[in-house]
Amino acid sequence: MASKTLDSQLQHYWPLLEKDEQRSILTFIKSFLKQKDTPQRVTIEEYNKEIDDAIKRVKSGEFYTHEQVVEMSKKW
């Protein structure tokens, strides 16, 4: 039932939009669906660089302990 209402609303309002507005909305819908269908992949080089960067941050002391994160989350 709700689907019919949505469909009928879309059919009612769509023709009232300017062509540029329709294109904009259609682009938005396509990008939304693309995000669901195709996960963003990185190359093995990018993946390895991210790991190397993370290791460097940890070695330089740039990290939070579990206890620190627990305390920070209490303030959210």
Protein backbone atom coordinates (compact mmCIF):
# COMPACT_ATOMS: atom_id res chain seq x y z
CA MET A 1 0.00 0.00 0.00
CA ALA A 2 2.73 2.46 0.94
CA SER A 3 4.55 1.62 -2.28
CA LYS A 4 1.51 2.60 -4.34
CA THR A 5 1.34 5.90 -2.50
CA LEU A 6 5.01 6.60 -3.19
CA ASP A 7 4.61 5.64 -6.84
CA SER A 8 1.56 7.83 -7.27
CA GLN A 9 3.28 10.76 -5.57
CA LEU A 10 6.28 10.36 -7.83
CA GLN A 11 4.05 10.26 -10.90
CA HIS A 12 2.27 13.37 -9.69
CA TYR A 13 5.31 15.50 -8.81
CA TRP A 14 7.83 14.37 -11.44
CA PRO A 15 6.18 16.21 -14.36
CA LEU A 16 6.04 19.39 -12.28
CA LEU A 17 9.82 19.57 -12.10
CA GLU A 18 11.97 21.38 -14.63
CA LYS A 19 14.20 19.17 -16.80
CA ASP A 20 17.30 20.28 -14.90
CA GLU A 21 15.65 19.36 -11.61
CA GLN A 22 14.67 15.96 -12.97
CA ARG A 23 18.25 15.35 -14.15
CA SER A 24 19.60 16.38 -10.77
CA ILE A 25 17.28 14.04 -8.90
CA LEU A 26 17.99 11.19 -11.30
CA THR A 27 21.73 11.69 -10.85
CA PHE A 28 21.25 11.57 -7.09
CA ILE A 29 19.24 8.35 -7.30
CA LYS A 30 21.84 6.72 -9.55
CA SER A 31 24.70 7.70 -7.25
CA PHE A 32 22.78 6.37 -4.26
CA LEU A 33 22.25 3.02 -5.97
CA LYS A 34 25.83 2.88 -7.22
CA GLN A 35 27.09 3.22 -3.65
CA LYS A 36 25.03 0.21 -2.64
CA ASP A 37 26.04 -1.96 -5.60
CA THR A 38 29.73 -1.26 -5.95
CA PRO A 39 31.86 -1.11 -2.84
CA GLN A 40 34.82 1.20 -3.14
CA ARG A 41 37.92 -0.89 -3.75
CA VAL A 42 41.51 0.16 -3.29
CA THR A 43 44.53 -1.22 -5.06
CA ILE A 44 46.92 -3.50 -3.21
CA GLU A 45 49.45 -0.66 -3.26
CA GLU A 46 46.98 1.74 -1.60
CA TYR A 47 46.07 -0.93 0.94
CA ASN A 48 49.72 -1.60 1.80
CA LYS A 49 50.43 2.13 2.07
CA GLU A 50 47.53 2.55 4.50
CA ILE A 51 48.92 -0.30 6.63
CA ASP A 52 52.44 1.15 6.53
CA ASP A 53 51.09 4.57 7.53
CA ALA A 54 49.12 3.04 10.40
CA ILE A 55 52.19 1.18 11.67
CA LYS A 56 54.20 4.42 11.60
CA ARG A 57 51.48 6.22 13.58
CA VAL A 58 51.40 3.49 16.22
CA LYS A 59 55.21 3.44 16.50
CA SER A 60 55.22 7.21 17.00
CA GLY A 61 52.63 6.91 19.77
CA GLU A 62 49.76 8.25 17.71
CA PHE A 63 46.98 5.98 18.95
CA TYR A 64 44.34 5.60 21.67
CA THR A 65 44.16 2.70 24.09
CA HIS A 66 40.93 0.80 24.56
CA GLU A 67 40.46 2.46 27.94
CA GLN A 68 40.89 5.92 26.42
CA VAL A 69 38.30 5.17 23.76
CA VAL A 70 35.86 3.90 26.39
CA GLU A 71 36.27 7.15 28.35
CA MET A 72 35.90 9.27 25.19
CA SER A 73 32.75 7.41 24.18
CA LYS A 74 31.09 8.26 27.49
CA LYS A 75 31.14 11.92 26.40
CA TRP A 76 29.39 11.32 23.06
